[in-house]
N, C-alpha and C. Protein backbone atom coordinates (compact mmCIF):
# COMPACT_ATOMS: atom_id res chain seq x y z
N MET A 1 101.37 125.16 103.53
CA MET A 1 101.51 125.65 102.18
C MET A 1 101.66 124.49 101.22
N GLU A 2 101.14 124.71 100.04
CA GLU A 2 101.27 123.69 99.02
C GLU A 2 102.71 123.64 98.53
N GLY A 3 103.21 122.45 98.33
CA GLY A 3 104.57 122.28 97.84
C GLY A 3 105.60 122.14 98.95
N ASP A 4 105.20 122.41 100.21
CA ASP A 4 106.13 122.21 101.32
C ASP A 4 106.26 120.71 101.60
N PRO A 5 107.46 120.27 101.95
CA PRO A 5 107.63 118.85 102.28
C PRO A 5 106.88 118.52 103.57
N PRO A 6 106.46 117.28 103.72
CA PRO A 6 105.76 116.90 104.95
C PRO A 6 106.72 117.00 106.14
N PRO A 7 106.18 117.23 107.34
CA PRO A 7 107.05 117.32 108.50
C PRO A 7 107.77 115.99 108.74
N VAL A 8 108.99 116.09 109.21
CA VAL A 8 109.77 114.89 109.50
C VAL A 8 109.37 114.37 110.86
N VAL A 9 109.00 113.11 110.91
CA VAL A 9 108.62 112.48 112.17
C VAL A 9 109.70 111.48 112.52
N CYS A 10 110.22 111.60 113.72
CA CYS A 10 111.28 110.68 114.15
C CYS A 10 110.64 109.35 114.49
N SER A 11 110.98 108.34 113.72
CA SER A 11 110.40 107.02 113.96
C SER A 11 111.46 106.01 114.36
N ARG A 12 112.61 106.51 114.83
CA ARG A 12 113.67 105.61 115.24
C ARG A 12 113.21 104.81 116.45
N LYS A 13 113.46 103.53 116.38
CA LYS A 13 113.05 102.65 117.46
C LYS A 13 114.15 102.63 118.52
N LEU A 14 113.72 102.68 119.78
CA LEU A 14 114.69 102.58 120.87
C LEU A 14 115.28 101.18 120.85
N GLN A 15 116.58 101.11 121.05
CA GLN A 15 117.23 99.81 121.12
C GLN A 15 117.39 99.43 122.58
N LYS A 16 117.19 98.15 122.89
CA LYS A 16 117.36 97.67 124.25
C LYS A 16 118.74 97.05 124.37
N HIS A 17 119.55 97.64 125.25
CA HIS A 17 120.91 97.18 125.49
C HIS A 17 121.00 96.49 126.84
N GLU A 18 121.86 95.49 126.92
CA GLU A 18 122.06 94.75 128.16
C GLU A 18 123.49 94.97 128.64
N PHE A 19 123.62 95.33 129.91
CA PHE A 19 124.91 95.57 130.53
C PHE A 19 125.04 94.73 131.80
N SER A 20 126.25 94.30 132.09
CA SER A 20 126.56 93.67 133.37
C SER A 20 127.21 94.75 134.22
N VAL A 21 126.68 94.97 135.42
CA VAL A 21 127.21 96.00 136.31
C VAL A 21 127.44 95.37 137.68
N GLU A 22 128.65 95.52 138.22
CA GLU A 22 128.98 94.95 139.52
C GLU A 22 128.25 95.70 140.62
N MET A 23 127.01 95.26 140.88
CA MET A 23 126.19 95.87 141.93
C MET A 23 126.03 94.84 143.04
N THR A 24 126.22 95.28 144.28
CA THR A 24 126.11 94.36 145.41
C THR A 24 124.96 94.69 146.35
N CYS A 25 124.38 95.87 146.19
CA CYS A 25 123.32 96.27 147.12
C CYS A 25 122.36 97.26 146.45
N GLU A 26 121.32 97.61 147.19
CA GLU A 26 120.33 98.55 146.67
C GLU A 26 120.94 99.93 146.43
N GLY A 27 121.94 100.29 147.24
CA GLY A 27 122.62 101.57 147.05
C GLY A 27 123.30 101.62 145.69
N CYS A 28 123.88 100.47 145.28
CA CYS A 28 124.52 100.40 143.95
C CYS A 28 123.49 100.59 142.85
N SER A 29 122.37 99.90 142.97
CA SER A 29 121.35 100.00 141.92
C SER A 29 120.74 101.41 141.90
N ASN A 30 120.64 102.05 143.07
CA ASN A 30 120.14 103.42 143.11
C ASN A 30 121.11 104.37 142.42
N ALA A 31 122.42 104.13 142.57
CA ALA A 31 123.42 104.96 141.90
C ALA A 31 123.29 104.83 140.39
N VAL A 32 123.06 103.60 139.91
CA VAL A 32 122.87 103.36 138.48
C VAL A 32 121.63 104.12 138.00
N ALA A 33 120.55 104.00 138.75
CA ALA A 33 119.30 104.69 138.37
C ALA A 33 119.51 106.20 138.31
N ARG A 34 120.27 106.75 139.26
CA ARG A 34 120.50 108.20 139.30
C ARG A 34 121.28 108.69 138.07
N VAL A 35 122.37 107.99 137.72
CA VAL A 35 123.17 108.48 136.57
C VAL A 35 122.38 108.36 135.27
N LEU A 36 121.56 107.31 135.15
CA LEU A 36 120.75 107.16 133.94
C LEU A 36 119.67 108.23 133.86
N GLU A 37 119.08 108.55 135.01
CA GLU A 37 118.05 109.58 135.04
C GLU A 37 118.65 110.94 134.66
N LYS A 38 119.86 111.18 135.14
CA LYS A 38 120.54 112.44 134.83
C LYS A 38 120.87 112.53 133.34
N LEU A 39 121.23 111.41 132.72
CA LEU A 39 121.52 111.37 131.28
C LEU A 39 120.27 111.73 130.49
N GLY A 40 119.14 111.16 130.88
CA GLY A 40 117.88 111.42 130.19
C GLY A 40 117.76 110.63 128.90
N GLY A 41 116.54 110.51 128.41
CA GLY A 41 116.31 109.82 127.15
C GLY A 41 116.48 108.32 127.23
N VAL A 42 116.35 107.77 128.43
CA VAL A 42 116.50 106.33 128.60
C VAL A 42 115.35 105.77 129.43
N GLN A 43 115.05 104.53 129.19
CA GLN A 43 114.16 103.75 130.05
C GLN A 43 115.00 102.56 130.48
N SER A 44 115.02 102.30 131.79
CA SER A 44 115.90 101.24 132.25
C SER A 44 115.18 100.28 133.18
N GLU A 45 115.75 99.10 133.26
CA GLU A 45 115.30 98.07 134.19
C GLU A 45 116.56 97.51 134.84
N ILE A 46 116.58 97.50 136.17
CA ILE A 46 117.74 97.03 136.90
C ILE A 46 117.41 95.70 137.56
N ASP A 47 118.22 94.69 137.27
CA ASP A 47 118.07 93.34 137.83
C ASP A 47 119.23 93.14 138.80
N LEU A 48 119.04 93.58 140.04
CA LEU A 48 120.12 93.54 141.03
C LEU A 48 120.63 92.13 141.32
N PRO A 49 119.74 91.13 141.53
CA PRO A 49 120.25 89.78 141.84
C PRO A 49 121.18 89.22 140.76
N ASN A 50 120.90 89.54 139.49
CA ASN A 50 121.71 89.03 138.38
C ASN A 50 122.74 90.04 137.89
N LYS A 51 122.81 91.21 138.56
CA LYS A 51 123.77 92.26 138.22
C LYS A 51 123.68 92.68 136.76
N LYS A 52 122.43 92.87 136.29
CA LYS A 52 122.19 93.27 134.91
C LYS A 52 121.41 94.58 134.88
N VAL A 53 121.68 95.37 133.85
CA VAL A 53 120.93 96.60 133.61
C VAL A 53 120.49 96.56 132.15
N TYR A 54 119.20 96.74 131.92
CA TYR A 54 118.63 96.76 130.57
C TYR A 54 118.21 98.21 130.29
N ILE A 55 118.68 98.75 129.18
CA ILE A 55 118.43 100.15 128.87
C ILE A 55 117.84 100.28 127.47
N ASP A 56 116.68 100.93 127.38
CA ASP A 56 116.08 101.31 126.10
C ASP A 56 116.52 102.74 125.82
N SER A 57 117.24 102.95 124.71
CA SER A 57 117.77 104.28 124.45
C SER A 57 118.21 104.43 123.01
N GLU A 58 118.22 105.69 122.55
CA GLU A 58 118.82 106.02 121.26
C GLU A 58 120.27 106.46 121.44
N HIS A 59 120.71 106.61 122.69
CA HIS A 59 122.10 106.99 122.94
C HIS A 59 123.03 105.88 122.45
N SER A 60 124.26 106.25 122.12
CA SER A 60 125.23 105.26 121.67
C SER A 60 125.65 104.38 122.85
N VAL A 61 126.16 103.21 122.53
CA VAL A 61 126.66 102.29 123.55
C VAL A 61 127.79 102.97 124.34
N ASP A 62 128.65 103.70 123.64
CA ASP A 62 129.76 104.39 124.31
C ASP A 62 129.24 105.39 125.36
N THR A 63 128.20 106.12 124.99
CA THR A 63 127.61 107.09 125.93
C THR A 63 127.03 106.38 127.14
N LEU A 64 126.33 105.27 126.89
CA LEU A 64 125.73 104.51 127.99
C LEU A 64 126.81 103.92 128.90
N LEU A 65 127.87 103.37 128.30
CA LEU A 65 128.98 102.83 129.09
C LEU A 65 129.62 103.92 129.95
N GLU A 66 129.90 105.05 129.34
CA GLU A 66 130.53 106.16 130.05
C GLU A 66 129.64 106.60 131.22
N THR A 67 128.34 106.66 130.99
CA THR A 67 127.40 107.08 132.03
C THR A 67 127.37 106.07 133.17
N LEU A 68 127.27 104.78 132.85
CA LEU A 68 127.23 103.76 133.89
C LEU A 68 128.53 103.72 134.69
N ARG A 69 129.64 103.98 134.04
CA ARG A 69 130.94 103.94 134.74
C ARG A 69 131.11 105.09 135.72
N LYS A 70 130.27 106.12 135.61
CA LYS A 70 130.32 107.22 136.57
C LYS A 70 129.96 106.75 137.97
N THR A 71 129.35 105.57 138.08
CA THR A 71 129.02 105.02 139.39
C THR A 71 130.25 104.44 140.08
N GLY A 72 131.34 104.26 139.35
CA GLY A 72 132.54 103.65 139.91
C GLY A 72 132.51 102.14 139.88
N LYS A 73 131.46 101.58 139.31
CA LYS A 73 131.31 100.12 139.22
C LYS A 73 131.93 99.60 137.93
N THR A 74 132.29 98.32 137.95
CA THR A 74 132.77 97.66 136.74
C THR A 74 131.57 97.40 135.84
N VAL A 75 131.67 97.84 134.59
CA VAL A 75 130.55 97.72 133.65
C VAL A 75 131.03 97.01 132.39
N THR A 76 130.23 96.05 131.92
CA THR A 76 130.52 95.34 130.68
C THR A 76 129.28 95.37 129.79
N TYR A 77 129.49 95.71 128.52
CA TYR A 77 128.38 95.68 127.57
C TYR A 77 128.20 94.25 127.09
N ILE A 78 127.00 93.72 127.25
CA ILE A 78 126.71 92.35 126.82
C ILE A 78 126.21 92.32 125.39
N GLY A 79 125.34 93.26 125.03
CA GLY A 79 124.84 93.33 123.66
C GLY A 79 123.39 93.77 123.64
N LEU A 80 122.80 93.69 122.46
CA LEU A 80 121.39 94.02 122.32
C LEU A 80 120.58 92.94 123.01
N SER A 81 119.52 93.35 123.66
CA SER A 81 118.69 92.42 124.43
C SER A 81 117.32 92.29 123.79
N ASP A 82 116.79 91.08 123.83
CA ASP A 82 115.42 90.88 123.36
C ASP A 82 114.48 90.64 124.54
N ARG A 83 114.96 90.96 125.75
CA ARG A 83 114.17 90.78 126.95
C ARG A 83 112.98 91.74 126.90
N PRO A 84 111.78 91.22 127.08
CA PRO A 84 110.60 92.10 127.05
C PRO A 84 110.56 92.98 128.28
N LYS A 85 110.00 94.16 128.13
CA LYS A 85 109.85 95.08 129.25
C LYS A 85 108.83 94.51 130.21
N GLU A 86 109.14 94.53 131.51
CA GLU A 86 108.21 94.00 132.51
C GLU A 86 107.01 94.93 132.61
N ALA A 87 105.84 94.33 132.76
CA ALA A 87 104.62 95.10 132.91
C ALA A 87 104.53 95.63 134.33
N GLY A 88 104.09 96.85 134.48
CA GLY A 88 103.92 97.44 135.81
C GLY A 88 102.64 96.96 136.46
N PRO A 89 102.47 97.27 137.76
CA PRO A 89 101.27 96.81 138.49
C PRO A 89 100.02 97.48 137.99
């Protein structure tokens, strides 16, 4: 209809957050992946050797921290990350 406002398009950019998570094995990293998948709305990269988790999300840092802590691991928020997303095969 004429005079109707244009549809609102969400153009918010996902922010990439970096967390330190005390992970010692693949089981730990799988637990992290599971809780993030259950939360939804995230893209993550887990760096097990360096005990880092990179998360692209619109969720708040508090929500992400709370979610990661459900694994029972010690979690520390490092800050916004400028690490580029790794290309898949």
